[in-house]
């Protein structure tokens, strides 16, 4: 049972790390898109609604990234407890299984 819980906790930690990387990539993409939309608006004067939509996407991606980071810290704490260490949430494992 302990081995199964340890394996599950490790897989959850790796999965959480991958989700953080994906959320960061998504945020970066939305920020680039926002810059493009803003440049287009400044050049043509059209697309005010597009700017609002892009800003909403950036805000949403920022929140998602923070949630993923919290999930990763929680998964790290579980691994640290199973390793007999203080659960600081700072443990970082490989991003691949």
N, C-alpha and C. Protein backbone atom coordinates (compact mmCIF):
# COMPACT_ATOMS: atom_id res chain seq x y z
N UNK A 1 0.82 -1.19 0.00
CA UNK A 1 0.00 0.00 0.00
C UNK A 1 0.87 1.26 0.00
N UNK A 2 1.94 1.24 0.79
CA UNK A 2 2.83 2.39 0.86
C UNK A 2 3.53 2.61 -0.49
N UNK A 3 3.97 1.53 -1.11
CA UNK A 3 4.63 1.65 -2.41
C UNK A 3 3.65 2.19 -3.46
N UNK A 4 2.43 1.72 -3.42
CA UNK A 4 1.43 2.21 -4.38
C UNK A 4 1.14 3.69 -4.15
N UNK A 5 1.03 4.10 -2.90
CA UNK A 5 0.80 5.51 -2.60
C UNK A 5 1.99 6.37 -3.01
N UNK A 6 3.18 5.86 -2.81
CA UNK A 6 4.38 6.60 -3.21
C UNK A 6 4.44 6.76 -4.73
N UNK A 7 4.13 5.70 -5.45
CA UNK A 7 4.14 5.77 -6.91
C UNK A 7 3.07 6.73 -7.41
N UNK A 8 1.90 6.66 -6.82
CA UNK A 8 0.81 7.56 -7.21
C UNK A 8 1.18 9.01 -6.92
N UNK A 9 1.78 9.26 -5.78
CA UNK A 9 2.18 10.62 -5.42
C UNK A 9 3.25 11.15 -6.38
N UNK A 10 4.19 10.30 -6.75
CA UNK A 10 5.24 10.72 -7.69
C UNK A 10 4.64 11.04 -9.06
N UNK A 11 3.75 10.20 -9.54
CA UNK A 11 3.09 10.44 -10.83
C UNK A 11 2.28 11.74 -10.77
N UNK A 12 1.60 11.98 -9.65
CA UNK A 12 0.84 13.22 -9.50
C UNK A 12 1.77 14.43 -9.53
N UNK A 13 2.94 14.31 -8.91
CA UNK A 13 3.90 15.42 -8.90
C UNK A 13 4.41 15.70 -10.30
N UNK A 14 4.77 14.67 -11.04
CA UNK A 14 5.26 14.85 -12.40
C UNK A 14 4.15 15.44 -13.28
N UNK A 15 2.94 14.94 -13.11
CA UNK A 15 1.80 15.44 -13.87
C UNK A 15 1.55 16.92 -13.55
N UNK A 16 1.63 17.27 -12.29
CA UNK A 16 1.43 18.65 -11.88
C UNK A 16 2.51 19.56 -12.47
N UNK A 17 3.73 19.07 -12.51
CA UNK A 17 4.82 19.86 -13.10
C UNK A 17 4.56 20.10 -14.58
N UNK A 18 4.09 19.09 -15.27
CA UNK A 18 3.77 19.23 -16.69
C UNK A 18 2.61 20.21 -16.90
N UNK A 19 1.64 20.19 -16.01
CA UNK A 19 0.52 21.11 -16.12
C UNK A 19 0.97 22.55 -15.89
N UNK A 20 1.93 22.76 -14.99
CA UNK A 20 2.48 24.10 -14.78
C UNK A 20 3.19 24.58 -16.04
N UNK A 21 3.98 23.70 -16.65
CA UNK A 21 4.68 24.07 -17.88
C UNK A 21 3.69 24.42 -18.98
N UNK A 22 2.63 23.64 -19.12
CA UNK A 22 1.62 23.91 -20.13
C UNK A 22 0.90 25.23 -19.85
N UNK A 23 0.57 25.49 -18.60
CA UNK A 23 -0.11 26.74 -18.25
C UNK A 23 0.79 27.94 -18.52
N UNK A 24 2.08 27.81 -18.24
CA UNK A 24 3.02 28.90 -18.52
C UNK A 24 3.14 29.13 -20.02
N UNK A 25 3.17 28.07 -20.80
CA UNK A 25 3.23 28.19 -22.26
C UNK A 25 1.96 28.86 -22.79
N UNK A 26 0.82 28.47 -22.25
CA UNK A 26 -0.45 29.06 -22.66
C UNK A 26 -0.49 30.55 -22.34
N UNK A 27 -0.04 30.91 -21.15
CA UNK A 27 0.01 32.32 -20.76
C UNK A 27 0.90 33.11 -21.70
N UNK A 28 2.05 32.57 -22.01
CA UNK A 28 2.98 33.23 -22.93
C UNK A 28 2.32 33.44 -24.30
N UNK A 29 1.63 32.45 -24.80
CA UNK A 29 0.94 32.55 -26.09
C UNK A 29 -0.13 33.64 -26.06
N UNK A 30 -0.92 33.67 -24.99
CA UNK A 30 -1.97 34.68 -24.89
C UNK A 30 -1.39 36.09 -24.77
N UNK A 31 -0.26 36.22 -24.06
CA UNK A 31 0.38 37.53 -23.95
C UNK A 31 0.91 38.00 -25.30
N UNK A 32 1.49 37.10 -26.08
CA UNK A 32 1.95 37.45 -27.42
C UNK A 32 0.78 37.86 -28.30
N UNK A 33 -0.31 37.12 -28.20
CA UNK A 33 -1.50 37.44 -28.98
C UNK A 33 -2.04 38.82 -28.59
N UNK A 34 -2.04 39.14 -27.30
CA UNK A 34 -2.52 40.45 -26.85
C UNK A 34 -1.67 41.56 -27.45
N UNK A 35 -0.36 41.38 -27.46
CA UNK A 35 0.52 42.41 -28.04
C UNK A 35 0.22 42.61 -29.53
N UNK A 36 -0.02 41.53 -30.23
CA UNK A 36 -0.34 41.62 -31.66
C UNK A 36 -1.66 42.36 -31.87
N UNK A 37 -2.66 42.01 -31.07
CA UNK A 37 -3.98 42.65 -31.19
C UNK A 37 -3.88 44.14 -30.86
N UNK A 38 -3.10 44.48 -29.84
CA UNK A 38 -2.94 45.89 -29.48
C UNK A 38 -2.24 46.67 -30.58
N UNK A 39 -1.23 46.07 -31.18
CA UNK A 39 -0.54 46.74 -32.30
C UNK A 39 -1.49 46.96 -33.47
N UNK A 40 -2.30 45.97 -33.76
CA UNK A 40 -3.27 46.09 -34.85
C UNK A 40 -4.27 47.20 -34.55
N UNK A 41 -4.72 47.26 -33.29
CA UNK A 41 -5.67 48.30 -32.91
C UNK A 41 -5.06 49.69 -33.06
N UNK A 42 -3.82 49.85 -32.62
CA UNK A 42 -3.15 51.14 -32.74
C UNK A 42 -2.96 51.54 -34.20
N UNK A 43 -2.73 50.57 -35.05
CA UNK A 43 -2.48 50.86 -36.47
C UNK A 43 -3.77 51.14 -37.23
N UNK A 44 -4.84 50.43 -36.91
CA UNK A 44 -6.07 50.54 -37.71
C UNK A 44 -7.23 51.19 -36.96
N UNK A 45 -7.18 51.19 -35.65
CA UNK A 45 -8.30 51.71 -34.87
C UNK A 45 -9.46 50.75 -34.76
N UNK A 46 -9.28 49.56 -35.24
CA UNK A 46 -10.34 48.55 -35.18
C UNK A 46 -9.92 47.41 -34.26
N UNK A 47 -10.89 46.80 -33.64
CA UNK A 47 -10.61 45.61 -32.84
C UNK A 47 -10.61 45.84 -31.34
N UNK A 48 -11.37 46.84 -30.87
CA UNK A 48 -11.43 47.09 -29.42
C UNK A 48 -11.96 45.88 -28.67
N UNK A 49 -12.93 45.22 -29.26
CA UNK A 49 -13.50 44.03 -28.64
C UNK A 49 -12.46 42.90 -28.59
N UNK A 50 -11.64 42.82 -29.62
CA UNK A 50 -10.59 41.81 -29.64
C UNK A 50 -9.58 42.03 -28.52
N UNK A 51 -9.30 43.30 -28.22
CA UNK A 51 -8.37 43.61 -27.12
C UNK A 51 -8.96 43.13 -25.80
N UNK A 52 -10.24 43.40 -25.57
CA UNK A 52 -10.88 42.94 -24.34
C UNK A 52 -10.85 41.42 -24.23
N UNK A 53 -11.13 40.77 -25.34
CA UNK A 53 -11.11 39.30 -25.36
C UNK A 53 -9.70 38.78 -25.06
N UNK A 54 -8.70 39.40 -25.66
CA UNK A 54 -7.31 38.97 -25.43
C UNK A 54 -6.90 39.22 -23.98
N UNK A 55 -7.31 40.34 -23.42
CA UNK A 55 -6.98 40.63 -22.01
C UNK A 55 -7.66 39.64 -21.07
N UNK A 56 -8.89 39.27 -21.40
CA UNK A 56 -9.59 38.26 -20.61
C UNK A 56 -8.87 36.93 -20.67
N UNK A 57 -8.39 36.57 -21.85
CA UNK A 57 -7.63 35.32 -21.99
C UNK A 57 -6.35 35.35 -21.16
N UNK A 58 -5.66 36.48 -21.17
CA UNK A 58 -4.42 36.60 -20.38
C UNK A 58 -4.73 36.47 -18.89
N UNK A 59 -5.76 37.15 -18.43
CA UNK A 59 -6.12 37.07 -17.01
C UNK A 59 -6.50 35.64 -16.62
N UNK A 60 -7.27 35.01 -17.47
CA UNK A 60 -7.66 33.63 -17.20
C UNK A 60 -6.45 32.70 -17.15
N UNK A 61 -5.53 32.89 -18.07
CA UNK A 61 -4.32 32.06 -18.09
C UNK A 61 -3.45 32.32 -16.87
N UNK A 62 -3.40 33.55 -16.40
CA UNK A 62 -2.63 33.86 -15.19
C UNK A 62 -3.22 33.14 -13.97
N UNK A 63 -4.54 33.17 -13.88
CA UNK A 63 -5.20 32.46 -12.77
C UNK A 63 -4.96 30.96 -12.86
N UNK A 64 -5.07 30.42 -14.08
CA UNK A 64 -4.86 28.98 -14.26
C UNK A 64 -3.43 28.59 -13.88
N UNK A 65 -2.46 29.43 -14.21
CA UNK A 65 -1.07 29.15 -13.86
C UNK A 65 -0.89 29.12 -12.35
N UNK A 66 -1.49 30.06 -11.65
CA UNK A 66 -1.38 30.08 -10.19
C UNK A 66 -2.03 28.85 -9.56
N UNK A 67 -3.16 28.44 -10.09
CA UNK A 67 -3.84 27.24 -9.58
C UNK A 67 -2.96 26.01 -9.81
N UNK A 68 -2.36 25.91 -10.98
CA UNK A 68 -1.48 24.77 -11.29
C UNK A 68 -0.26 24.77 -10.37
N UNK A 69 0.28 25.94 -10.06
CA UNK A 69 1.42 26.02 -9.14
C UNK A 69 1.02 25.54 -7.75
N UNK A 70 -0.17 25.92 -7.31
CA UNK A 70 -0.65 25.46 -6.01
C UNK A 70 -0.86 23.95 -6.00
N UNK A 71 -1.38 23.42 -7.09
CA UNK A 71 -1.56 21.97 -7.20
C UNK A 71 -0.21 21.25 -7.16
N UNK A 72 0.79 21.83 -7.84
CA UNK A 72 2.13 21.23 -7.83
C UNK A 72 2.72 21.23 -6.42
N UNK A 73 2.53 22.34 -5.69
CA UNK A 73 3.04 22.40 -4.33
C UNK A 73 2.36 21.37 -3.43
N UNK A 74 1.06 21.19 -3.61
CA UNK A 74 0.34 20.18 -2.82
C UNK A 74 0.84 18.78 -3.15
N UNK A 75 1.07 18.50 -4.42
CA UNK A 75 1.60 17.19 -4.82
C UNK A 75 3.00 17.00 -4.27
N UNK A 76 3.80 18.06 -4.26
CA UNK A 76 5.16 17.97 -3.72
C UNK A 76 5.14 17.68 -2.22
N UNK A 77 4.19 18.28 -1.53
CA UNK A 77 4.08 18.03 -0.09
C UNK A 77 3.77 16.56 0.20
N UNK A 78 2.90 15.97 -0.60
CA UNK A 78 2.55 14.56 -0.40
C UNK A 78 3.80 13.70 -0.59
N UNK A 79 4.57 13.98 -1.64
CA UNK A 79 5.80 13.22 -1.89
C UNK A 79 6.78 13.41 -0.73
N UNK A 80 6.91 14.64 -0.26
CA UNK A 80 7.85 14.92 0.83
C UNK A 80 7.45 14.20 2.12
N UNK A 81 6.16 14.14 2.40
CA UNK A 81 5.69 13.42 3.59
C UNK A 81 6.02 11.94 3.46
N UNK A 82 5.77 11.37 2.29
CA UNK A 82 6.06 9.96 2.08
C UNK A 82 7.56 9.67 2.14
N UNK A 83 8.38 10.68 1.85
CA UNK A 83 9.84 10.52 1.95
C UNK A 83 10.35 10.78 3.35
N UNK A 84 9.46 11.18 4.26
CA UNK A 84 9.84 11.44 5.63
C UNK A 84 10.49 12.81 5.81
N UNK A 85 10.24 13.71 4.88
CA UNK A 85 10.80 15.06 4.97
C UNK A 85 9.73 16.05 5.37
N UNK A 86 10.17 17.23 5.76
CA UNK A 86 9.23 18.31 6.07
C UNK A 86 8.47 18.69 4.80
N UNK A 87 7.14 18.78 4.86
CA UNK A 87 6.35 19.08 3.66
C UNK A 87 6.37 20.56 3.31
N UNK A 88 7.45 21.02 2.71
CA UNK A 88 7.58 22.43 2.35
C UNK A 88 6.96 22.76 1.01
N UNK A 89 6.73 21.74 0.18
CA UNK A 89 6.16 21.97 -1.14
C UNK A 89 7.18 22.44 -2.15
N UNK A 90 8.46 22.35 -1.82
CA UNK A 90 9.52 22.84 -2.69
C UNK A 90 10.15 21.74 -3.53
N UNK A 91 9.78 20.51 -3.30
CA UNK A 91 10.37 19.39 -4.03
C UNK A 91 10.04 19.51 -5.51
N UNK A 92 11.06 19.37 -6.34
CA UNK A 92 10.88 19.39 -7.79
C UNK A 92 11.47 18.11 -8.35
N UNK A 93 10.67 17.44 -9.08
CA UNK A 93 11.11 16.19 -9.69
C UNK A 93 11.24 16.40 -11.19
N UNK A 94 11.66 15.35 -11.86
CA UNK A 94 11.78 15.42 -13.31
C UNK A 94 10.41 15.67 -13.91
N UNK A 95 10.38 16.36 -15.05
CA UNK A 95 9.11 16.68 -15.67
C UNK A 95 8.62 15.54 -16.59
N UNK A 96 9.40 14.48 -16.67
CA UNK A 96 9.01 13.31 -17.45
C UNK A 96 8.98 12.10 -16.53
N UNK A 97 8.10 11.16 -16.81
CA UNK A 97 8.05 9.93 -16.01
C UNK A 97 9.23 9.05 -16.36
